[in-house]
Protein backbone atom coordinates (compact mmCIF):
# COMPACT_ATOMS: atom_id res chain seq x y z
CA UNK A 1 -69.24 3.63 19.61
CA UNK A 2 -66.08 1.69 19.09
CA UNK A 3 -64.02 3.03 21.32
CA UNK A 4 -66.85 3.27 23.72
CA UNK A 5 -67.43 0.16 24.60
CA UNK A 6 -64.25 -1.52 23.70
CA UNK A 7 -61.59 0.89 24.72
CA UNK A 8 -59.09 -2.20 24.94
CA UNK A 9 -59.12 -3.64 22.35
CA UNK A 10 -59.59 0.38 20.27
CA UNK A 11 -57.13 -0.76 17.13
CA UNK A 12 -58.41 -4.62 16.43
CA UNK A 13 -62.18 -3.49 16.04
CA UNK A 14 -62.30 -0.25 14.26
CA UNK A 15 -59.37 -1.89 11.48
CA UNK A 16 -61.78 -4.56 11.52
CA UNK A 17 -64.17 -2.25 10.63
CA UNK A 18 -62.22 -0.29 7.43
CA UNK A 19 -61.43 -3.74 6.30
CA UNK A 20 -65.00 -4.57 7.03
CA UNK A 21 -65.96 -1.27 4.69
CA UNK A 22 -63.23 -1.77 1.65
CA UNK A 23 -65.56 -4.85 1.20
CA UNK A 24 -68.43 -3.43 1.03
CA UNK A 25 -67.31 -0.01 -0.92
CA UNK A 26 -66.49 -3.33 -3.59
CA UNK A 27 -68.36 -5.49 -3.89
CA UNK A 28 -71.83 -3.82 -3.89
CA UNK A 29 -71.11 -1.80 -7.26
CA UNK A 30 -70.64 -5.60 -8.18
CA UNK A 31 -73.69 -6.98 -6.14
CA UNK A 32 -75.96 -4.19 -6.70
CA UNK A 33 -75.12 -4.77 -10.99
CA UNK A 34 -75.85 -8.47 -10.60
CA UNK A 35 -79.16 -8.29 -8.54
CA UNK A 36 -80.31 -5.48 -11.50
CA UNK A 37 -79.59 -8.08 -14.99
CA UNK A 38 -81.11 -11.40 -13.02
CA UNK A 39 -84.28 -8.78 -11.42
CA UNK A 40 -85.09 -5.55 -13.21
CA UNK A 41 -84.82 -2.35 -11.76
CA UNK A 42 -86.07 -2.68 -8.16
CA UNK A 43 -84.02 -6.31 -7.45
CA UNK A 44 -81.34 -4.51 -5.39
CA UNK A 45 -84.22 -2.95 -3.04
CA UNK A 46 -86.50 -5.79 -2.36
CA UNK A 47 -82.90 -8.07 -2.23
CA UNK A 48 -81.90 -5.64 0.61
CA UNK A 49 -84.70 -4.36 2.41
CA UNK A 50 -84.76 -7.88 2.33
CA UNK A 51 -82.22 -9.21 4.15
CA UNK A 52 -82.02 -6.12 6.35
CA UNK A 53 -85.49 -6.57 7.70
CA UNK A 54 -83.94 -10.46 8.67
CA UNK A 55 -80.85 -9.01 9.83
CA UNK A 56 -83.56 -6.36 12.47
CA UNK A 57 -84.13 -9.50 15.29
CA UNK A 58 -79.85 -10.62 15.32
CA UNK A 59 -78.34 -6.66 15.22
CA UNK A 60 -80.78 -5.76 18.64
CA UNK A 61 -80.12 -8.75 20.01
CA UNK A 62 -76.48 -8.01 20.47
CA UNK A 63 -77.42 -4.62 20.60
CA UNK A 64 -78.90 -5.94 24.96
CA UNK A 65 -76.00 -8.08 25.00
CA UNK A 66 -73.54 -5.15 24.54
CA UNK A 67 -75.34 -3.40 26.51
CA UNK A 68 -75.60 -5.99 29.85
CA UNK A 69 -71.88 -5.90 29.65
CA UNK A 70 -71.75 -2.54 31.08
């Protein structure tokens, strides 16, 4: 999708994407373990589910902005 929507900046944006994936892989297990310690087995699932619900309006707004620029 990056190369389709942003053909001029694709190298930079792919680098940012890969950096984000790396940070997520490094911090994800630590955050999950921390949530598990404080809230039990279901706490990581509830926390991330709530975070995704909060991010959904922002993601849909960004998608509309990208679609309008074409």
